N, C-alpha and C. Protein backbone atom coordinates (compact mmCIF):
# COMPACT_ATOMS: atom_id res chain seq x y z
N MET A 1 144.10 22.93 85.18
CA MET A 1 143.89 21.44 85.26
C MET A 1 144.77 20.92 86.38
N THR A 2 146.02 21.48 86.59
CA THR A 2 146.84 20.86 87.46
C THR A 2 146.44 21.27 88.87
N THR A 3 146.58 20.23 89.75
CA THR A 3 146.08 20.51 91.16
C THR A 3 147.25 20.27 92.05
N THR A 4 147.44 21.11 93.07
CA THR A 4 148.51 20.96 93.95
C THR A 4 148.20 19.82 94.94
N ALA A 5 149.24 19.27 95.64
CA ALA A 5 148.98 18.18 96.63
C ALA A 5 148.08 18.76 97.86
N LYS A 6 148.44 20.11 98.21
CA LYS A 6 147.74 20.71 99.25
C LYS A 6 146.15 20.81 98.89
N GLU A 7 145.81 21.24 97.62
CA GLU A 7 144.50 21.26 97.33
C GLU A 7 143.83 19.88 97.24
N LEU A 8 144.55 18.77 96.98
CA LEU A 8 144.06 17.48 96.96
C LEU A 8 143.79 16.96 98.50
N ARG A 9 144.67 17.39 99.34
CA ARG A 9 144.50 16.88 100.67
C ARG A 9 143.30 17.64 101.34
N ASP A 10 142.90 18.77 100.86
CA ASP A 10 141.74 19.59 101.36
C ASP A 10 140.30 19.04 100.80
N LEU A 11 140.37 18.22 99.89
CA LEU A 11 139.27 17.46 99.42
C LEU A 11 138.70 16.40 100.18
N SER A 12 137.36 16.21 100.18
CA SER A 12 136.69 15.07 100.89
C SER A 12 137.13 13.76 100.18
N PRO A 13 136.96 12.82 100.86
CA PRO A 13 137.21 11.36 100.20
C PRO A 13 136.47 11.22 98.81
N GLU A 14 135.08 11.58 98.85
CA GLU A 14 134.25 11.54 97.69
C GLU A 14 134.66 12.34 96.60
N GLU A 15 135.25 13.62 97.00
CA GLU A 15 135.76 14.56 95.88
C GLU A 15 137.05 14.04 95.41
N LEU A 16 137.74 13.38 96.38
CA LEU A 16 139.03 12.88 95.74
C LEU A 16 138.97 11.71 94.82
N VAL A 17 137.90 10.91 95.02
CA VAL A 17 137.57 9.82 94.13
C VAL A 17 137.14 10.26 92.87
N GLU A 18 136.24 11.27 92.96
CA GLU A 18 135.73 11.95 91.57
C GLU A 18 136.95 12.53 90.81
N HIS A 19 137.87 13.16 91.65
CA HIS A 19 138.96 13.84 90.93
C HIS A 19 139.77 12.70 90.22
N VAL A 20 140.10 11.62 90.86
CA VAL A 20 140.82 10.58 90.27
C VAL A 20 140.06 10.00 88.93
N LYS A 21 138.70 9.80 89.18
CA LYS A 21 137.95 9.41 87.92
C LYS A 21 138.10 10.22 86.78
N THR A 22 137.88 11.43 87.06
CA THR A 22 138.08 12.45 86.10
C THR A 22 139.32 12.58 85.37
N ALA A 23 140.44 12.53 86.34
CA ALA A 23 141.67 12.58 85.70
C ALA A 23 142.11 11.43 84.69
N ARG A 24 141.55 10.18 85.15
CA ARG A 24 141.80 8.99 84.26
C ARG A 24 141.03 9.13 83.03
N LYS A 25 139.82 9.71 82.95
CA LYS A 25 139.25 9.82 81.72
C LYS A 25 139.84 11.01 80.76
N GLY A 26 140.32 11.95 81.49
CA GLY A 26 141.02 13.07 80.73
C GLY A 26 142.27 12.48 80.07
N ILE A 27 143.10 11.55 80.77
CA ILE A 27 144.23 10.90 80.29
C ILE A 27 143.89 10.11 78.92
N PHE A 28 142.85 9.28 79.19
CA PHE A 28 142.37 8.48 78.10
C PHE A 28 142.16 9.33 76.96
N GLY A 29 141.42 10.35 77.06
CA GLY A 29 141.12 11.30 75.88
C GLY A 29 142.42 11.84 75.26
N LEU A 30 143.24 12.13 76.21
CA LEU A 30 144.62 12.89 75.63
C LEU A 30 145.52 11.79 74.93
N ARG A 31 145.58 10.51 75.54
CA ARG A 31 146.26 9.55 74.80
C ARG A 31 145.64 9.13 73.40
N PHE A 32 144.21 9.01 73.46
CA PHE A 32 143.58 8.87 72.02
C PHE A 32 143.86 9.94 71.03
N GLN A 33 143.80 11.23 71.45
CA GLN A 33 144.31 12.28 70.58
C GLN A 33 145.66 12.20 70.10
N HIS A 34 146.53 11.84 70.97
CA HIS A 34 147.99 11.70 70.69
C HIS A 34 148.17 10.58 69.56
N ALA A 35 147.45 9.47 69.85
CA ALA A 35 147.54 8.28 68.93
C ALA A 35 146.93 8.56 67.50
N THR A 36 146.00 9.44 67.46
CA THR A 36 145.40 9.81 66.19
C THR A 36 145.97 11.05 65.56
N GLY A 37 146.91 11.62 66.19
CA GLY A 37 147.62 12.68 65.63
C GLY A 37 147.03 14.05 65.85
N GLU A 38 145.91 14.21 66.63
CA GLU A 38 145.14 15.34 66.93
C GLU A 38 145.70 16.12 67.98
N LEU A 39 146.57 15.64 68.84
CA LEU A 39 147.08 16.36 69.90
C LEU A 39 148.30 17.18 69.45
N GLU A 40 148.12 18.67 69.68
CA GLU A 40 149.23 19.43 69.22
C GLU A 40 150.36 19.61 70.12
N SER A 41 150.18 19.62 71.53
CA SER A 41 151.09 19.65 72.58
C SER A 41 151.11 18.53 73.53
N THR A 42 152.12 17.77 73.54
CA THR A 42 152.06 16.65 74.43
C THR A 42 152.41 16.98 75.83
N ALA A 43 152.77 18.24 76.04
CA ALA A 43 153.04 18.82 77.39
C ALA A 43 151.92 18.53 78.30
N GLY A 44 150.72 18.71 77.72
CA GLY A 44 149.45 18.62 78.59
C GLY A 44 149.25 17.06 78.94
N LEU A 45 149.63 16.05 78.21
CA LEU A 45 149.55 14.76 78.48
C LEU A 45 150.41 14.42 79.77
N ARG A 46 151.64 15.04 79.72
CA ARG A 46 152.54 14.70 80.86
C ARG A 46 152.07 15.35 82.05
N ALA A 47 151.50 16.56 82.03
CA ALA A 47 151.02 17.22 83.14
C ALA A 47 149.76 16.48 83.66
N ALA A 48 148.87 15.98 82.79
CA ALA A 48 147.71 15.23 83.24
C ALA A 48 148.14 13.86 83.99
N LYS A 49 149.13 13.28 83.51
CA LYS A 49 149.68 12.01 84.20
C LYS A 49 150.27 12.32 85.63
N ARG A 50 151.00 13.52 85.66
CA ARG A 50 151.48 13.89 87.10
C ARG A 50 150.37 14.14 88.03
N ASP A 51 149.41 14.81 87.42
CA ASP A 51 148.14 15.26 88.41
C ASP A 51 147.53 14.06 88.84
N LEU A 52 147.39 12.99 88.03
CA LEU A 52 146.63 11.72 88.31
C LEU A 52 147.53 11.08 89.42
N ALA A 53 148.92 11.01 89.18
CA ALA A 53 149.81 10.42 90.16
C ALA A 53 149.70 11.18 91.51
N ARG A 54 149.60 12.51 91.53
CA ARG A 54 149.60 13.27 92.71
C ARG A 54 148.19 12.88 93.55
N ALA A 55 147.23 12.69 92.79
CA ALA A 55 145.97 12.38 93.43
C ALA A 55 145.84 11.05 93.91
N LEU A 56 146.54 10.12 93.17
CA LEU A 56 146.54 8.57 93.71
C LEU A 56 147.54 8.64 94.87
N THR A 57 148.53 9.33 94.91
CA THR A 57 149.36 9.43 96.14
C THR A 57 148.57 9.81 97.44
N VAL A 58 147.88 10.96 97.37
CA VAL A 58 147.09 11.34 98.38
C VAL A 58 146.02 10.34 98.75
N ALA A 59 145.32 9.63 97.74
CA ALA A 59 144.36 8.61 97.98
C ALA A 59 144.87 7.50 98.80
N ARG A 60 146.20 7.10 98.52
CA ARG A 60 146.99 6.03 99.19
C ARG A 60 147.36 6.42 100.60
N GLU A 61 147.63 7.67 100.79
CA GLU A 61 147.94 8.17 102.09
C GLU A 61 146.80 8.11 103.01
N ARG A 62 145.59 8.24 102.46
CA ARG A 62 144.31 8.25 103.22
C ARG A 62 143.87 6.88 103.41
N GLY A 63 144.35 5.91 102.74
CA GLY A 63 143.97 4.39 102.76
C GLY A 63 142.83 4.00 101.94
N ILE A 64 142.73 4.86 100.82
CA ILE A 64 141.79 4.74 99.75
C ILE A 64 142.19 3.82 98.73
N ASP A 65 141.64 2.76 98.39
CA ASP A 65 142.27 1.79 97.50
C ASP A 65 142.06 2.35 96.02
N PRO A 66 143.22 2.84 95.46
CA PRO A 66 143.22 3.41 94.10
C PRO A 66 142.55 2.41 93.02
N ASP A 67 142.88 1.28 93.21
CA ASP A 67 142.33 0.11 92.08
C ASP A 67 140.91 0.05 92.13
N ARG A 68 140.11 0.41 93.31
CA ARG A 68 138.81 0.28 93.36
C ARG A 68 138.05 1.56 92.81
N ILE A 69 138.78 2.58 92.61
CA ILE A 69 138.17 3.73 92.21
C ILE A 69 137.92 3.77 90.78
């Protein structure tokens, strides 16, 4: 699930936008599981947040507005 910055930089703008959308949905699901007590390991939540932050950083570097994603 974790994607490196180099891998993200190799994506097209459309693929990068899709990756950000998918990461946001994944974090929402993990946060929901954590709140209901279903999440056994919170390490995945931290890794997902870092992956999203990495993708947003690459998007900002390219001039893609992350708030519009």
